[in-house]
């Protein structure tokens, strides 16, 4: 995964095109570097899975 693809996937999650996004362990650092630059960063919720993968959801209300 490159940064351009990560940004596209974040937009799809934000717009509701997809309800959840699975990020593989090997793509996590690239994905996260794009994620933390988002203005609505706190609306994304990641749930770590066994093995290092993370499932992300977009929430209307930002986390605290």
Protein backbone atom coordinates (compact mmCIF):
# COMPACT_ATOMS: atom_id res chain seq x y z
CA UNK A 1 0.00 0.00 0.00
CA UNK A 2 1.24 3.47 -0.83
CA UNK A 3 0.12 6.82 0.61
CA UNK A 4 -2.14 7.57 -2.35
CA UNK A 5 -4.07 4.32 -1.89
CA UNK A 6 -4.29 4.89 1.88
CA UNK A 7 -5.80 8.34 1.31
CA UNK A 8 -8.32 6.88 -1.17
CA UNK A 9 -9.34 4.17 1.31
CA UNK A 10 -9.77 6.75 4.08
CA UNK A 11 -12.03 8.82 1.81
CA UNK A 12 -14.14 5.75 1.04
CA UNK A 13 -14.51 5.02 4.75
CA UNK A 14 -15.30 8.66 5.54
CA UNK A 15 -17.93 8.91 2.79
CA UNK A 16 -19.63 5.65 3.75
CA UNK A 17 -18.71 3.83 0.54
CA UNK A 18 -17.35 1.08 2.82
CA UNK A 19 -18.43 0.50 6.42
CA UNK A 20 -15.13 -0.91 7.63
CA UNK A 21 -11.58 -1.16 6.42
CA UNK A 22 -9.12 -3.98 7.14
CA UNK A 23 -5.50 -2.85 7.22
CA UNK A 24 -2.95 -5.65 7.12
CA UNK A 25 -0.03 -5.69 9.52
CA UNK A 26 2.51 -5.03 6.76
CA UNK A 27 0.57 -1.94 5.56
CA UNK A 28 -0.11 -0.45 8.99
CA UNK A 29 2.76 2.04 9.25
CA UNK A 30 2.13 3.52 5.81
CA UNK A 31 -1.62 3.71 6.45
CA UNK A 32 -1.18 5.30 9.89
CA UNK A 33 1.20 7.96 8.56
CA UNK A 34 -1.62 9.13 6.25
CA UNK A 35 -4.33 8.69 8.89
CA UNK A 36 -2.74 10.96 11.52
CA UNK A 37 -2.57 13.81 9.00
CA UNK A 38 -6.36 13.83 8.53
CA UNK A 39 -8.32 16.78 9.97
CA UNK A 40 -10.96 14.35 11.27
CA UNK A 41 -8.42 11.88 12.66
CA UNK A 42 -10.37 11.36 15.88
CA UNK A 43 -13.40 10.11 13.96
CA UNK A 44 -11.53 6.99 12.86
CA UNK A 45 -11.56 4.08 15.27
CA UNK A 46 -9.14 1.21 14.86
CA UNK A 47 -9.64 -2.15 16.52
CA UNK A 48 -6.53 -4.32 16.67
CA UNK A 49 -6.95 -7.94 15.65
CA UNK A 50 -4.92 -10.94 16.62
CA UNK A 51 -1.91 -11.17 14.32
CA UNK A 52 -1.40 -7.41 13.88
CA UNK A 53 -4.19 -6.47 11.46
CA UNK A 54 -6.46 -3.52 12.32
CA UNK A 55 -10.11 -2.94 11.41
CA UNK A 56 -11.08 0.74 11.07
CA UNK A 57 -14.52 2.31 11.31
CA UNK A 58 -15.60 5.91 10.86
CA UNK A 59 -17.67 7.43 13.66
CA UNK A 60 -19.83 10.52 13.44
CA UNK A 61 -18.80 11.57 16.94
CA UNK A 62 -15.04 11.97 17.54
CA UNK A 63 -13.39 9.87 20.22
CA UNK A 64 -12.06 11.68 23.23
